[in-house]
Protein backbone atom coordinates (compact mmCIF):
# COMPACT_ATOMS: atom_id res chain seq x y z
CA MET A 1 -30.79 -25.06 -24.87
CA HIS A 2 -27.99 -25.48 -27.20
CA ARG A 3 -26.21 -22.40 -28.34
CA PHE A 4 -24.79 -21.64 -31.92
CA TYR A 5 -22.64 -18.95 -33.12
CA ILE A 6 -23.28 -17.15 -36.46
CA SER A 7 -20.76 -14.54 -37.44
CA PRO A 8 -22.03 -10.76 -37.61
CA GLU A 9 -21.55 -10.81 -41.42
CA ASN A 10 -23.86 -13.80 -41.73
CA TRP A 11 -26.34 -12.59 -39.11
CA ASN A 12 -29.85 -12.49 -40.46
CA PRO A 13 -32.51 -12.08 -37.75
CA ASP A 14 -35.42 -12.24 -40.31
CA SER A 15 -34.44 -15.54 -41.77
CA PRO A 16 -32.23 -17.28 -39.40
CA ALA A 17 -30.56 -20.54 -40.47
CA LEU A 18 -27.50 -22.72 -39.56
CA THR A 19 -24.93 -23.74 -42.22
CA GLY A 20 -21.52 -25.30 -42.47
CA SER A 21 -20.00 -26.65 -39.28
CA GLU A 22 -22.78 -25.32 -37.00
CA ALA A 23 -25.36 -27.07 -38.99
CA HIS A 24 -23.36 -30.20 -39.01
CA HIS A 25 -22.98 -30.12 -35.29
CA ALA A 26 -26.65 -29.70 -34.60
CA ARG A 27 -27.84 -32.21 -37.16
CA ASP A 28 -25.19 -34.95 -37.10
CA VAL A 29 -23.70 -34.59 -33.62
CA LEU A 30 -26.42 -33.37 -31.33
CA ARG A 31 -29.04 -35.18 -33.67
CA MET A 32 -31.52 -32.29 -33.24
CA LYS A 33 -34.97 -32.66 -34.77
CA PRO A 34 -37.73 -30.39 -36.17
CA ALA A 35 -39.55 -28.38 -33.62
CA GLU A 36 -36.51 -28.43 -31.10
CA LYS A 37 -35.39 -24.97 -29.83
CA LEU A 38 -31.96 -23.57 -29.84
CA VAL A 39 -30.29 -20.18 -29.32
CA LEU A 40 -28.25 -18.26 -31.94
CA PHE A 41 -25.75 -15.42 -30.89
CA ASN A 42 -23.54 -13.18 -33.19
CA GLY A 43 -20.69 -12.32 -30.76
CA ARG A 44 -21.94 -8.75 -30.72
CA GLY A 45 -24.55 -8.91 -28.12
CA ARG A 46 -27.47 -10.11 -30.21
CA GLU A 47 -29.15 -13.43 -29.34
CA ILE A 48 -32.20 -15.28 -30.99
CA THR A 49 -34.15 -18.09 -29.57
CA ALA A 50 -35.47 -20.15 -32.62
CA GLU A 51 -37.28 -23.33 -33.50
CA ILE A 52 -35.99 -25.68 -36.05
CA VAL A 53 -38.34 -25.86 -39.11
CA ASP A 54 -36.57 -28.07 -41.53
CA LEU A 55 -33.04 -29.96 -41.60
CA SER A 56 -31.34 -30.91 -44.89
CA SER A 57 -27.75 -31.41 -46.12
CA ALA A 58 -27.64 -27.79 -47.24
CA GLY A 59 -28.40 -26.25 -43.70
CA ILE A 60 -30.99 -25.89 -41.18
CA GLN A 61 -33.96 -23.58 -41.43
CA LEU A 62 -35.25 -21.92 -38.34
CA ARG A 63 -38.25 -19.76 -37.13
CA LYS A 64 -37.45 -16.91 -34.95
CA LEU A 65 -39.27 -16.99 -31.63
CA HIS A 66 -37.52 -14.12 -29.64
CA GLU A 67 -34.72 -11.75 -30.09
CA ALA A 68 -32.76 -10.09 -27.45
CA GLU A 69 -29.83 -7.84 -26.97
CA THR A 70 -27.18 -7.97 -24.25
CA PRO A 71 -25.36 -4.69 -23.49
CA ALA A 72 -21.66 -4.64 -23.66
CA LEU A 73 -19.59 -4.94 -20.29
CA ARG A 74 -18.95 -1.41 -18.78
CA CYS A 75 -15.21 -2.05 -19.02
CA ARG A 76 -13.06 -3.41 -21.89
CA ILE A 77 -10.57 -5.61 -20.47
CA ILE A 78 -7.83 -6.70 -22.89
CA LEU A 79 -5.44 -9.69 -22.09
CA GLY A 80 -2.01 -9.41 -23.51
CA GLN A 81 -0.68 -12.82 -22.84
CA ALA A 82 2.88 -14.01 -23.50
CA ILE A 83 2.34 -17.40 -25.15
CA PRO A 84 3.21 -20.09 -22.51
CA LYS A 85 4.48 -23.67 -23.03
CA ARG A 86 2.47 -26.61 -23.87
CA LYS A 87 -1.37 -26.15 -24.19
CA ASN A 88 -1.68 -23.61 -21.43
CA MET A 89 -2.70 -20.90 -23.80
CA ASP A 90 -5.83 -22.79 -24.89
CA LEU A 91 -6.87 -22.79 -21.00
CA ILE A 92 -6.12 -19.14 -20.83
CA VAL A 93 -8.25 -18.22 -23.81
CA GLN A 94 -11.02 -20.23 -22.51
CA LYS A 95 -11.04 -18.71 -19.02
CA ALA A 96 -10.44 -15.20 -20.39
CA VAL A 97 -13.76 -15.57 -22.30
CA GLU A 98 -15.71 -16.91 -19.30
CA ILE A 99 -14.33 -14.15 -17.16
CA GLY A 100 -15.23 -11.40 -19.43
CA ALA A 101 -12.20 -10.21 -21.46
CA ALA A 102 -13.11 -8.21 -24.58
CA GLU A 103 -9.94 -9.04 -26.46
CA ILE A 104 -7.19 -11.57 -26.17
CA ALA A 105 -3.63 -10.57 -27.67
CA PRO A 106 -1.09 -13.41 -27.72
CA ILE A 107 2.49 -12.04 -27.28
CA ILE A 108 5.58 -13.64 -28.65
CA SER A 109 8.03 -12.72 -25.79
CA ASP A 110 11.70 -13.11 -25.61
CA ARG A 111 11.14 -16.03 -23.37
CA THR A 112 8.51 -17.73 -25.57
CA VAL A 113 9.67 -21.26 -26.17
CA VAL A 114 6.86 -22.46 -28.28
CA GLN A 115 7.45 -22.32 -32.04
CA VAL A 116 5.61 -19.44 -33.58
CA ASP A 117 6.63 -19.19 -37.30
CA PRO A 118 4.13 -17.63 -39.87
CA GLU A 119 2.41 -20.89 -40.56
CA SER A 120 2.08 -22.18 -37.09
CA ALA A 121 1.05 -18.79 -35.91
CA ALA A 122 -1.84 -18.68 -38.37
CA GLN A 123 -2.92 -22.26 -37.14
CA LYS A 124 -2.67 -21.23 -33.47
CA HIS A 125 -4.65 -18.05 -34.15
CA ALA A 126 -7.58 -20.01 -35.75
CA LYS A 127 -7.52 -22.55 -33.04
CA TRP A 128 -7.64 -20.01 -30.31
CA GLN A 129 -10.37 -18.15 -31.98
CA GLN A 130 -12.55 -21.35 -32.16
CA ILE A 131 -11.78 -22.10 -28.44
CA ALA A 132 -13.11 -18.62 -27.73
CA ILE A 133 -16.34 -19.27 -29.80
CA GLU A 134 -16.83 -22.56 -27.90
CA ALA A 135 -16.25 -20.91 -24.48
CA ALA A 136 -18.82 -18.14 -25.37
CA LYS A 137 -21.25 -21.03 -26.31
CA GLN A 138 -20.83 -22.84 -23.00
CA SER A 139 -20.75 -19.59 -20.77
CA GLY A 140 -23.82 -17.75 -22.31
CA GLN A 141 -21.39 -15.00 -23.21
CA ASN A 142 -23.04 -12.99 -26.15
CA TRP A 143 -20.05 -10.85 -26.74
CA LEU A 144 -17.22 -12.84 -28.33
CA PRO A 145 -13.77 -11.57 -27.62
CA GLN A 146 -11.40 -11.04 -30.61
CA VAL A 147 -8.28 -13.13 -30.47
CA HIS A 148 -5.47 -11.33 -32.27
CA ALA A 149 -2.81 -12.88 -34.26
CA PRO A 150 0.48 -13.59 -32.18
CA ARG A 151 2.96 -10.79 -32.46
CA ARG A 152 5.86 -9.44 -30.50
CA LEU A 153 5.46 -6.89 -27.63
CA GLY A 154 6.75 -3.94 -29.62
CA ASP A 155 4.56 -4.74 -32.66
CA PHE A 156 1.61 -5.07 -30.16
CA PHE A 157 2.28 -1.42 -28.78
CA SER A 158 2.62 -0.02 -32.25
CA ALA A 159 -0.69 -1.48 -33.35
CA SER A 160 -2.76 -1.25 -30.20
CA ALA A 161 -5.45 1.31 -29.36
CA THR A 162 -5.38 3.73 -26.49
CA PHE A 163 -6.33 2.30 -23.06
CA ASP A 164 -7.50 4.29 -20.01
CA LEU A 165 -5.16 2.08 -17.77
CA ARG A 166 -2.28 -0.14 -18.84
CA LEU A 167 -0.85 -2.80 -16.34
CA ILE A 168 1.78 -5.54 -16.40
CA GLY A 169 2.30 -8.28 -13.99
CA SER A 170 5.74 -8.00 -12.64
CA LEU A 171 8.08 -10.11 -10.23
CA GLN A 172 10.34 -7.09 -9.94
CA PRO A 173 10.73 -5.06 -6.71
CA GLY A 174 8.58 -1.75 -6.53
CA ALA A 175 5.45 -3.20 -8.20
CA GLN A 176 2.27 -1.98 -6.70
CA HIS A 177 -0.93 -3.82 -5.60
CA LEU A 178 -3.75 -3.58 -8.21
CA LYS A 179 -6.03 -2.16 -5.61
CA GLU A 180 -3.68 0.68 -5.03
CA ILE A 181 -3.48 1.54 -8.73
CA LEU A 182 -7.31 1.47 -9.17
CA ALA A 183 -7.72 3.61 -6.11
CA ASP A 184 -5.23 6.04 -7.38
CA TYR A 185 -7.00 6.10 -10.80
CA SER A 186 -10.25 6.61 -9.20
CA THR A 187 -9.04 9.72 -7.17
CA GLU A 188 -7.43 11.22 -10.08
CA HIS A 189 -10.29 10.68 -12.63
CA ARG A 190 -13.28 10.52 -10.36
CA HIS A 191 -14.38 7.40 -12.13
CA LEU A 192 -13.06 3.84 -12.82
CA PRO A 193 -11.34 3.10 -16.23
CA GLY A 194 -13.34 2.24 -19.16
CA SER A 195 -10.65 0.18 -20.66
CA VAL A 196 -7.77 -1.75 -19.16
CA LEU A 197 -4.73 -3.53 -20.77
CA MET A 198 -3.40 -6.47 -18.77
CA LEU A 199 -0.20 -7.86 -19.75
CA ILE A 200 0.92 -11.26 -18.36
CA GLY A 201 4.41 -12.59 -18.98
CA PRO A 202 5.69 -16.22 -19.89
CA GLU A 203 7.38 -18.61 -17.61
CA GLY A 204 10.26 -16.70 -16.04
CA ASP A 205 8.34 -13.42 -16.57
CA PHE A 206 9.00 -10.69 -19.13
CA THR A 207 12.61 -9.81 -19.52
CA PRO A 208 14.00 -6.59 -18.07
CA ALA A 209 14.04 -4.97 -21.63
CA GLU A 210 10.33 -5.96 -22.27
CA LEU A 211 9.33 -4.61 -18.82
CA ALA A 212 11.14 -1.35 -19.60
CA LEU A 213 9.41 -1.14 -22.99
CA ALA A 214 6.00 -1.63 -21.28
CA ARG A 215 6.83 1.02 -18.81
CA ARG A 216 7.69 3.42 -21.69
CA HIS A 217 4.22 2.77 -23.05
CA GLY A 218 2.62 3.60 -19.80
CA CYS A 219 2.21 0.27 -18.24
CA HIS A 220 2.09 0.09 -14.44
CA PRO A 221 3.85 -2.92 -12.76
CA ILE A 222 1.64 -4.73 -10.51
CA THR A 223 2.44 -7.55 -8.00
CA LEU A 224 0.48 -10.49 -7.74
CA GLY A 225 1.34 -11.20 -4.11
CA PRO A 226 4.23 -13.09 -2.38
CA ILE A 227 3.49 -16.41 -4.09
CA ILE A 228 4.92 -16.99 -7.57
CA LEU A 229 2.01 -18.16 -9.69
CA ARG A 230 1.90 -20.29 -12.82
CA VAL A 231 1.30 -18.43 -16.07
CA GLU A 232 -2.25 -19.65 -16.35
CA THR A 233 -3.02 -18.97 -12.72
CA ALA A 234 -1.71 -15.35 -13.04
CA ALA A 235 -3.88 -14.63 -16.00
CA ILE A 236 -6.95 -16.07 -14.39
CA TYR A 237 -6.22 -14.32 -11.09
CA CYS A 238 -5.69 -10.96 -12.72
CA LEU A 239 -8.75 -11.14 -14.89
CA SER A 240 -10.86 -12.09 -11.99
CA VAL A 241 -9.87 -9.24 -9.87
CA LEU A 242 -10.39 -6.88 -12.65
CA SER A 243 -13.89 -8.43 -13.41
CA TYR A 244 -14.73 -7.97 -9.81
CA GLU A 245 -13.49 -4.49 -9.53
CA LEU A 246 -14.69 -3.12 -12.82
CA LEU A 247 -17.51 -5.23 -14.39
CA MET A 248 -19.66 -6.10 -11.32
């Protein structure tokens, strides 16, 4: 069944309806008809299976058939991603949603080459949040990750919440393997972390100053192995390993 997103502030399980762009997509793109069934989700774990009752230019009226709740994943994984070149951030956002990231924080690093002035930052932010919505629709993910507005690394640390574990991918000598850090954390705390920040740099990695800043904020440098990965590959690799170790 086709899935449609309704924001939490517009979620009304007693009288479900589609309006705006979602109604347009169902009516004019998918050509859905009365009596067809669809799924609604609010990005906060709630899901409704509904049947189309009436289609009009103002919206689509639905009849609720079933309501369910999906529990949150047991670990909140936050991806702090330095904005890469071209459209690679689009791919990273899409795959982060599919893998199970809870938040995505685009970082303007010293080596970011993409123009990110206030106007373009707002446009990119809106675009990435929409990509996240589309990825959640496709993947059946009922918890929609929040995509933050782009900001510099120092501003990110100033505004960020606390995390049980902070990690940063690094090409520098002395970085540990992720499995070693998780094992050390489990030995010390007798449980796995409930929240993890994973920072991934741009092409050419974070600068030494940015890496030092991250370490001052408690980030453990981790190695991704002997092969130098592309930015998008590194993000998918790290999220996949964390998902396997902490979400399964």
